[in-house]
């Protein structure tokens, strides 16, 4: 299609699909036409719940010529397989994080999109939220001076206490690094630029965990990935950040990101949220200055809409697949550094997209 709202279909009718559907069905510039899942009745139930015309199989969704963007909400291990199938069907892709589980398949996905003249964009789109966009504009305006260092903390006991099927979060493609790392590292790249090299350390506190809720509560399962990862991240443009990601901490500290510059320190909103204030602690000031988020109130699905508008207008999307690939490359390098006991260079790079205009409105009809 060349004009009008962009047709969208969701593959994966799990819990996160509710938030996506609530938002996407409220954006005038997209039309949600289908929900698909291996469990077709579940897809049909989600479609009915959100007023979507079709709940169907994956192959039926991919065969629909009116669907231009596939929103891939499958488990991480299926991200590339489903993404490639969507590209072969002539559709651009919005991928949930992480983009892939390894560099080879992630690169294959992006290269295939380029060959076919299609696009791949990826979560997290929290960086497009009003909270982090307000923080970014303040930092780029020089409110804390030249950014020199960053600190990012995510520490919890782990998701097995509340998640009814948490095994995938403690297996390959999971752990706090690949599960939560995209939020924190994507935000740092937005503020400091591409990552040059990393030094990682960490391990796991326990070899098994026990499901704490749902119908399988009490079930023990194996842990095969590091559950605490720390990293020193160095950036190509200068500056560095310390990052701690843990599923082992009884002391909960999440959503904590600081950027310190030559004039002060900015305490940023939670990178796993779309809102929240920014606090500026400036040298010589009597106290902190709080910046109220300026911008739109939408949450997950914002990146899908931004991709849809970019497709129609022929401009680059901000939550690009290349950005997600660079973050994936950095996370894999952290894991390799942890295993090898040495610093690892990050070979990829990326152009940091511009901030959203303050008046960018997801609820306006622009197409």
Protein backbone atom coordinates (compact mmCIF):
# COMPACT_ATOMS: atom_id res chain seq x y z
CA UNK A 1 0.00 0.00 0.00
CA UNK A 2 1.12 3.57 -0.62
CA UNK A 3 -1.08 5.56 1.75
CA UNK A 4 -3.49 5.45 4.65
CA UNK A 5 -3.12 3.55 7.93
CA UNK A 6 -0.61 0.70 7.96
CA UNK A 7 -1.99 -2.83 8.32
CA UNK A 8 -0.51 -4.71 11.30
CA UNK A 9 -0.66 -8.30 12.47
CA UNK A 10 0.59 -9.73 15.79
CA UNK A 11 2.20 -13.16 16.08
CA UNK A 12 2.23 -14.35 19.68
CA UNK A 13 -0.84 -14.00 21.90
CA UNK A 14 0.88 -14.18 25.28
CA UNK A 15 0.58 -11.78 28.21
CA UNK A 16 2.54 -8.94 26.60
CA UNK A 17 0.17 -8.91 23.61
CA UNK A 18 -2.49 -7.25 25.77
CA UNK A 19 -0.45 -4.06 26.17
CA UNK A 20 0.50 -4.00 22.51
CA UNK A 21 -3.10 -4.48 21.42
CA UNK A 22 -4.49 -1.88 23.82
CA UNK A 23 -2.12 0.71 22.39
CA UNK A 24 -2.05 -0.25 18.72
CA UNK A 25 -5.84 -0.32 18.44
CA UNK A 26 -5.88 3.28 19.73
CA UNK A 27 -3.45 4.66 17.12
CA UNK A 28 -5.24 6.02 14.02
CA UNK A 29 -2.20 5.48 11.78
CA UNK A 30 -2.26 1.68 12.13
CA UNK A 31 -4.96 -0.95 11.58
CA UNK A 32 -4.61 -4.14 13.63
CA UNK A 33 -6.02 -6.84 11.36
CA UNK A 34 -5.00 -10.13 12.93
CA UNK A 35 -3.63 -11.97 15.96
CA UNK A 36 -1.96 -15.34 15.34
CA UNK A 37 -0.55 -17.97 17.66
CA UNK A 38 0.32 -21.67 17.67
CA UNK A 39 -2.61 -21.87 20.08
CA UNK A 40 -5.29 -20.63 17.68
CA UNK A 41 -8.09 -20.43 20.28
CA UNK A 42 -5.87 -18.17 22.36
CA UNK A 43 -5.27 -15.97 19.30
CA UNK A 44 -9.01 -15.86 18.65
CA UNK A 45 -9.70 -14.90 22.26
CA UNK A 46 -7.18 -12.05 22.12
CA UNK A 47 -8.57 -10.82 18.83
CA UNK A 48 -12.10 -10.82 20.19
CA UNK A 49 -11.03 -9.11 23.41
CA UNK A 50 -9.45 -6.19 21.53
CA UNK A 51 -11.85 -5.92 18.58
CA UNK A 52 -9.38 -7.28 16.02
CA UNK A 53 -11.01 -8.83 12.93
CA UNK A 54 -9.08 -12.12 12.84
CA UNK A 55 -7.62 -14.65 15.26
CA UNK A 56 -5.88 -17.25 13.15
CA UNK A 57 -2.85 -19.36 12.33
CA UNK A 58 0.55 -17.87 11.58
CA UNK A 59 0.38 -18.96 7.94
CA UNK A 60 -3.03 -17.33 7.53
CA UNK A 61 -1.74 -14.06 8.96
CA UNK A 62 1.32 -14.10 6.70
CA UNK A 63 -0.86 -14.69 3.65
CA UNK A 64 -2.96 -11.57 4.28
CA UNK A 65 -1.93 -8.95 1.68
CA UNK A 66 -3.29 -6.08 3.79
CA UNK A 67 -0.81 -6.74 6.60
CA UNK A 68 2.34 -4.68 6.02
CA UNK A 69 4.02 -5.01 9.43
CA UNK A 70 4.27 -8.15 11.55
CA UNK A 71 4.69 -7.61 15.29
CA UNK A 72 6.72 -10.59 16.50
CA UNK A 73 5.88 -11.35 20.15
CA UNK A 74 7.12 -14.94 20.18
CA UNK A 75 9.72 -16.33 22.60
CA UNK A 76 13.32 -15.21 21.93
CA UNK A 77 14.32 -18.53 20.39
CA UNK A 78 11.69 -18.02 17.65
CA UNK A 79 12.37 -14.34 16.90
CA UNK A 80 14.55 -14.88 13.83
CA UNK A 81 12.54 -17.80 12.41
CA UNK A 82 9.28 -15.85 12.54
CA UNK A 83 10.98 -12.67 11.38
CA UNK A 84 12.42 -14.36 8.30
CA UNK A 85 9.05 -15.92 7.49
CA UNK A 86 7.43 -12.49 7.66
CA UNK A 87 10.08 -11.00 5.38
CA UNK A 88 9.60 -13.81 2.86
CA UNK A 89 5.89 -12.97 2.91
CA UNK A 90 6.77 -9.39 1.95
CA UNK A 91 6.16 -7.80 5.34
CA UNK A 92 8.32 -5.58 7.51
CA UNK A 93 8.94 -6.72 11.08
CA UNK A 94 8.75 -5.31 14.57
CA UNK A 95 10.66 -7.73 16.84
CA UNK A 96 10.44 -8.03 20.58
CA UNK A 97 13.81 -8.02 22.32
CA UNK A 98 16.33 -9.46 21.96
CA UNK A 99 16.52 -9.21 18.17
CA UNK A 100 18.21 -12.63 18.00
CA UNK A 101 20.23 -14.99 20.18
CA UNK A 102 23.43 -14.79 18.15
CA UNK A 103 25.13 -12.46 15.71
CA UNK A 104 24.88 -14.73 12.67
CA UNK A 105 21.10 -15.07 12.66
CA UNK A 106 20.58 -11.46 13.71
CA UNK A 107 22.70 -10.31 10.78
CA UNK A 108 20.87 -12.72 8.47
CA UNK A 109 17.53 -11.17 9.45
CA UNK A 110 18.69 -7.61 8.78
CA UNK A 111 20.46 -8.49 5.53
CA UNK A 112 17.40 -10.30 4.21
CA UNK A 113 15.22 -7.29 4.98
CA UNK A 114 17.61 -5.06 3.06
CA UNK A 115 17.64 -7.45 0.09
CA UNK A 116 13.85 -7.39 -0.07
CA UNK A 117 13.47 -3.65 0.47
CA UNK A 118 11.74 -4.19 3.81
CA UNK A 119 12.48 -3.06 7.35
CA UNK A 120 13.20 -4.66 10.70
CA UNK A 121 12.74 -2.62 13.86
CA UNK A 122 12.95 -3.84 17.41
CA UNK A 123 12.08 -3.33 21.04
CA UNK A 124 12.77 -1.76 23.39
CA UNK A 125 10.68 1.23 22.35
CA UNK A 126 10.75 2.55 25.91
CA UNK A 127 13.48 4.89 24.65
CA UNK A 128 10.74 6.60 22.61
CA UNK A 129 8.66 7.29 25.73
CA UNK A 130 8.18 10.79 27.09
CA UNK A 131 10.28 10.05 30.18
CA UNK A 132 13.48 9.03 28.45
CA UNK A 133 12.98 11.45 25.55
CA UNK A 134 12.75 14.32 28.05
CA UNK A 135 15.92 13.12 29.76
CA UNK A 136 17.71 12.79 26.44
CA UNK A 137 16.75 16.29 25.31
CA UNK A 138 18.03 17.73 28.60
CA UNK A 139 21.36 15.91 28.33
CA UNK A 140 21.77 16.86 24.66
CA UNK A 141 21.05 20.48 25.62
CA UNK A 142 24.06 20.36 27.94
CA UNK A 143 22.22 20.51 31.25
CA UNK A 144 24.80 18.22 32.92
CA UNK A 145 27.67 19.28 30.68
CA UNK A 146 29.68 16.76 28.67
CA UNK A 147 28.50 13.24 29.66
CA UNK A 148 31.45 11.26 31.00
CA UNK A 149 30.16 8.29 33.01
CA UNK A 150 27.03 6.22 33.46
CA UNK A 151 25.70 3.83 36.09
CA UNK A 152 22.92 1.31 35.47
CA UNK A 153 21.52 -1.06 38.09
CA UNK A 154 18.92 -3.81 37.80
CA UNK A 155 18.86 -6.09 40.84
CA UNK A 156 16.05 -8.46 41.85
CA UNK A 157 15.74 -11.95 43.37
CA UNK A 158 14.58 -13.19 39.94
CA UNK A 159 11.26 -13.65 38.14
CA UNK A 160 10.59 -17.27 39.15
CA UNK A 161 8.59 -16.15 42.21
CA UNK A 162 5.87 -14.52 40.09
CA UNK A 163 6.23 -15.88 36.55
CA UNK A 164 4.18 -19.06 35.97
CA UNK A 165 6.60 -20.42 33.31
CA UNK A 166 10.00 -18.80 33.96
CA UNK A 167 12.32 -21.50 32.59
CA UNK A 168 13.14 -19.62 29.37
CA UNK A 169 14.40 -16.68 31.43
CA UNK A 170 17.10 -18.91 32.96
CA UNK A 171 18.15 -20.69 29.76
CA UNK A 172 20.00 -19.67 26.61
CA UNK A 173 18.66 -16.35 25.37
CA UNK A 174 17.57 -15.39 28.87
CA UNK A 175 19.22 -14.39 32.10
CA UNK A 176 19.29 -10.77 33.20
CA UNK A 177 21.78 -9.89 30.42
CA UNK A 178 19.60 -10.75 27.41
CA UNK A 179 16.26 -10.25 29.17
CA UNK A 180 16.87 -6.85 30.80
CA UNK A 181 20.09 -5.73 29.16
CA UNK A 182 18.38 -4.37 26.03
CA UNK A 183 16.53 -1.72 28.06
CA UNK A 184 19.61 -0.44 29.87
CA UNK A 185 22.15 -0.71 27.06
CA UNK A 186 19.83 0.79 24.43
CA UNK A 187 19.31 3.79 26.68
CA UNK A 188 23.05 4.18 27.25
CA UNK A 189 23.73 4.01 23.51
CA UNK A 190 21.12 6.73 22.94
CA UNK A 191 23.02 8.98 25.36
CA UNK A 192 26.69 8.07 24.82
CA UNK A 193 26.72 6.68 21.28
CA UNK A 194 27.91 3.27 20.04
CA UNK A 195 29.82 0.87 22.28
CA UNK A 196 33.52 0.22 21.54
CA UNK A 197 34.49 -2.48 24.02
CA UNK A 198 33.24 -4.24 27.15
CA UNK A 199 34.64 -6.07 30.16
CA UNK A 200 32.27 -8.46 31.89
CA UNK A 201 32.18 -10.60 35.03
CA UNK A 202 29.57 -12.60 36.88
CA UNK A 203 28.08 -16.02 37.43
CA UNK A 204 25.04 -17.72 38.90
CA UNK A 205 24.10 -18.09 42.54
CA UNK A 206 22.16 -21.36 42.18
CA UNK A 207 22.04 -24.17 39.64
CA UNK A 208 18.30 -24.71 40.11
CA UNK A 209 15.27 -22.56 40.85
CA UNK A 210 11.67 -23.29 41.88
CA UNK A 211 8.54 -21.87 40.25
CA UNK A 212 6.71 -19.84 42.85
CA UNK A 213 3.29 -19.21 41.32
CA UNK A 214 0.71 -20.60 38.94
CA UNK A 215 -0.36 -24.19 38.25
CA UNK A 216 3.25 -25.45 38.24
CA UNK A 217 4.26 -23.84 41.54
CA UNK A 218 6.85 -25.94 43.35
CA UNK A 219 8.40 -27.29 40.14
CA UNK A 220 12.21 -27.20 40.14
CA UNK A 221 14.11 -26.34 36.96
CA UNK A 222 17.73 -25.95 35.89
CA UNK A 223 19.57 -22.64 35.54
CA UNK A 224 22.06 -22.66 32.65
CA UNK A 225 23.05 -18.98 32.24
CA UNK A 226 24.72 -16.38 34.48
CA UNK A 227 22.18 -14.78 36.80
CA UNK A 228 24.40 -11.86 37.80
CA UNK A 229 26.35 -9.94 35.18
CA UNK A 230 28.46 -6.85 35.73
CA UNK A 231 30.11 -4.93 32.92
CA UNK A 232 32.33 -1.97 32.21
CA UNK A 233 31.10 -0.48 28.95
CA UNK A 234 33.32 1.91 26.97
CA UNK A 235 31.94 4.07 24.18
CA UNK A 236 33.43 5.03 20.81
CA UNK A 237 32.84 8.75 21.38
CA UNK A 238 34.38 8.64 24.84
CA UNK A 239 32.95 7.97 28.26
CA UNK A 240 32.10 4.75 30.05
CA UNK A 241 29.35 3.14 32.10
CA UNK A 242 29.11 0.51 34.80
CA UNK A 243 26.21 -1.92 34.42
CA UNK A 244 24.92 -4.46 36.97
CA UNK A 245 22.15 -6.88 35.98
CA UNK A 246 21.10 -9.49 38.53
CA UNK A 247 18.45 -12.11 39.28
CA UNK A 248 20.26 -12.93 42.56
CA UNK A 249 19.71 -9.90 44.78
CA UNK A 250 17.40 -9.85 47.79
CA UNK A 251 17.83 -6.07 47.73
CA UNK A 252 15.66 -4.84 44.86
CA UNK A 253 17.05 -1.93 42.84
CA UNK A 254 15.55 -1.57 39.39
CA UNK A 255 15.18 1.19 36.86
CA UNK A 256 18.29 2.95 38.13
CA UNK A 257 20.32 4.87 35.53
CA UNK A 258 22.58 7.85 36.17
CA UNK A 259 24.56 9.96 33.71
CA UNK A 260 27.28 12.16 35.15
CA UNK A 261 28.73 15.01 33.16
CA UNK A 262 31.08 17.91 33.73
CA UNK A 263 28.30 20.06 35.26
CA UNK A 264 26.26 17.54 37.22
CA UNK A 265 24.39 14.24 37.30
CA UNK A 266 21.07 13.25 35.73
CA UNK A 267 19.03 10.50 37.38
CA UNK A 268 16.93 9.06 34.57
CA UNK A 269 13.53 7.33 34.50
CA UNK A 270 13.26 3.54 34.57
CA UNK A 271 14.38 2.31 31.10
CA UNK A 272 11.68 -0.37 31.26
CA UNK A 273 9.00 2.32 31.45
CA UNK A 274 7.78 5.04 29.11
CA UNK A 275 7.22 7.75 31.71
CA UNK A 276 8.83 9.07 34.88
CA UNK A 277 10.67 12.25 35.84
CA UNK A 278 14.33 13.11 35.39
CA UNK A 279 16.22 14.61 38.33
CA UNK A 280 19.15 16.92 37.69
CA UNK A 281 21.76 17.28 40.44
CA UNK A 282 23.84 20.22 39.26
CA UNK A 283 27.12 21.38 40.76
CA UNK A 284 26.55 24.40 42.98
CA UNK A 285 22.75 24.06 43.05
CA UNK A 286 20.82 24.10 46.33
CA UNK A 287 18.95 20.89 45.48
CA UNK A 288 17.81 18.64 42.64
CA UNK A 289 15.72 19.93 39.77
CA UNK A 290 12.94 17.62 38.60
CA UNK A 291 11.94 17.54 34.93
CA UNK A 292 8.37 16.44 34.26
CA UNK A 293 8.08 14.21 31.18
CA UNK A 294 7.14 16.21 28.10
CA UNK A 295 5.53 14.25 25.28
CA UNK A 296 3.07 11.52 24.50
CA UNK A 297 1.55 9.14 27.11
CA UNK A 298 1.63 5.92 25.02
CA UNK A 299 3.60 2.79 25.96
CA UNK A 300 4.47 -0.51 24.23
CA UNK A 301 3.55 -0.37 20.58
CA UNK A 302 4.91 3.15 20.18
CA UNK A 303 7.85 1.76 18.21
CA UNK A 304 5.49 -0.11 15.88
CA UNK A 305 3.66 3.12 15.14
CA UNK A 306 6.91 5.02 14.62
CA UNK A 307 8.01 2.28 12.19
CA UNK A 308 4.67 2.47 10.36
CA UNK A 309 4.95 6.23 9.92
CA UNK A 310 8.57 5.88 8.80
CA UNK A 311 7.52 3.33 6.19
CA UNK A 312 4.88 5.64 4.77
CA UNK A 313 7.07 8.75 4.76
CA UNK A 314 10.30 7.09 3.62
CA UNK A 315 12.44 8.14 6.59
CA UNK A 316 14.55 5.88 8.86
CA UNK A 317 12.80 4.38 11.86
CA UNK A 318 14.29 5.26 15.25
CA UNK A 319 14.07 1.87 17.01
CA UNK A 320 15.93 0.27 14.13
CA UNK A 321 17.08 -3.29 13.71
CA UNK A 322 20.64 -1.98 13.37
CA UNK A 323 20.38 -0.37 16.81
CA UNK A 324 19.03 -3.61 18.26
CA UNK A 325 21.79 -5.59 16.54
CA UNK A 326 24.48 -3.32 17.98
CA UNK A 327 23.05 -3.78 21.48
CA UNK A 328 22.87 -7.56 20.88
CA UNK A 329 26.50 -7.53 19.71
CA UNK A 330 27.50 -5.69 22.90
CA UNK A 331 25.56 -8.10 25.14
CA UNK A 332 27.16 -11.13 23.47
CA UNK A 333 30.55 -9.47 23.86
CA UNK A 334 29.84 -9.02 27.60
CA UNK A 335 28.99 -12.71 27.86
CA UNK A 336 32.15 -13.64 25.97
CA UNK A 337 34.23 -11.38 28.22
CA UNK A 338 32.70 -13.03 31.29
CA UNK A 339 33.65 -16.47 29.95
CA UNK A 340 37.12 -15.60 28.65
CA UNK A 341 38.18 -13.28 31.44
CA UNK A 342 39.30 -10.44 29.17
CA UNK A 343 38.04 -7.31 27.48
CA UNK A 344 36.18 -7.87 24.19
CA UNK A 345 35.91 -5.41 21.30
CA UNK A 346 32.44 -4.70 19.89
CA UNK A 347 32.78 -4.81 16.10
CA UNK A 348 29.44 -3.34 15.08
CA UNK A 349 28.44 0.29 15.26
CA UNK A 350 25.30 2.32 14.71
CA UNK A 351 24.15 5.85 13.98
CA UNK A 352 22.16 7.08 16.96
CA UNK A 353 18.74 8.28 15.73
CA UNK A 354 17.56 11.79 16.56
CA UNK A 355 15.25 12.39 19.49
CA UNK A 356 11.52 12.53 18.84
CA UNK A 357 10.04 16.00 18.44
CA UNK A 358 8.42 17.01 21.72
CA UNK A 359 5.05 17.34 20.02
CA UNK A 360 5.11 13.87 18.39
CA UNK A 361 1.58 12.53 18.88
CA UNK A 362 0.73 8.84 18.46
CA UNK A 363 -2.98 9.60 18.66
CA UNK A 364 -3.00 11.99 15.71
CA UNK A 365 -4.00 10.82 12.25
CA UNK A 366 -1.07 11.64 9.96
CA UNK A 367 -1.28 9.03 7.18
